[in-house]
């Protein structure tokens, strides 16, 4: 994981989060975020639900 996703995942764990909301500003990123994005990394690393929101 990169530094950003590591910090977010650690914070979510420390706070015992139930839901993590992640914004994305690119439609292309929304289509392929599982491949290498922070959102994709978080989905596989956190122990809570992740909601991805596309921001226009």
Protein backbone atom coordinates (compact mmCIF):
# COMPACT_ATOMS: atom_id res chain seq x y z
CA UNK A 1 0.00 0.00 0.00
CA UNK A 2 1.13 3.52 -0.57
CA UNK A 3 1.53 6.00 2.28
CA UNK A 4 -1.90 7.57 1.87
CA UNK A 5 -3.84 4.31 1.96
CA UNK A 6 -1.69 3.03 4.83
CA UNK A 7 -2.46 6.12 6.93
CA UNK A 8 -6.19 5.94 6.16
CA UNK A 9 -6.38 2.21 6.90
CA UNK A 10 -4.52 2.68 10.20
CA UNK A 11 -6.82 5.55 11.22
CA UNK A 12 -9.92 3.52 10.36
CA UNK A 13 -8.58 0.69 12.51
CA UNK A 14 -7.67 2.99 15.41
CA UNK A 15 -11.15 4.57 15.37
CA UNK A 16 -12.84 1.16 14.97
CA UNK A 17 -14.74 2.58 11.99
CA UNK A 18 -17.92 0.95 10.68
CA UNK A 19 -17.89 2.83 7.36
CA UNK A 20 -15.17 4.51 5.32
CA UNK A 21 -16.34 6.99 2.66
CA UNK A 22 -13.88 7.63 -0.17
CA UNK A 23 -14.38 10.27 -2.86
CA UNK A 24 -13.15 10.09 -6.44
CA UNK A 25 -13.18 12.91 -8.98
CA UNK A 26 -12.69 10.89 -12.15
CA UNK A 27 -15.21 8.69 -13.94
CA UNK A 28 -12.30 6.71 -15.36
CA UNK A 29 -11.01 6.08 -11.84
CA UNK A 30 -14.47 4.88 -10.84
CA UNK A 31 -14.37 2.30 -13.64
CA UNK A 32 -10.97 0.85 -12.75
CA UNK A 33 -10.29 1.88 -9.16
CA UNK A 34 -9.78 -1.75 -8.12
CA UNK A 35 -6.57 -1.96 -10.11
CA UNK A 36 -4.23 0.41 -8.30
CA UNK A 37 -6.00 3.33 -6.64
CA UNK A 38 -6.13 4.25 -2.98
CA UNK A 39 -9.81 3.22 -2.92
CA UNK A 40 -9.01 -0.19 -4.34
CA UNK A 41 -6.24 -0.73 -1.80
CA UNK A 42 -8.48 0.34 1.07
CA UNK A 43 -11.27 -2.07 0.12
CA UNK A 44 -8.91 -4.99 0.53
CA UNK A 45 -7.18 -3.72 3.69
CA UNK A 46 -9.79 -2.23 6.05
CA UNK A 47 -12.13 -4.20 8.30
CA UNK A 48 -15.17 -2.05 7.61
CA UNK A 49 -17.49 -1.18 4.74
CA UNK A 50 -16.17 1.21 2.08
CA UNK A 51 -18.45 3.58 0.14
CA UNK A 52 -17.00 5.12 -3.04
CA UNK A 53 -18.56 8.45 -4.05
CA UNK A 54 -17.90 10.02 -7.45
CA UNK A 55 -17.48 13.79 -7.15
CA UNK A 56 -18.29 15.79 -10.29
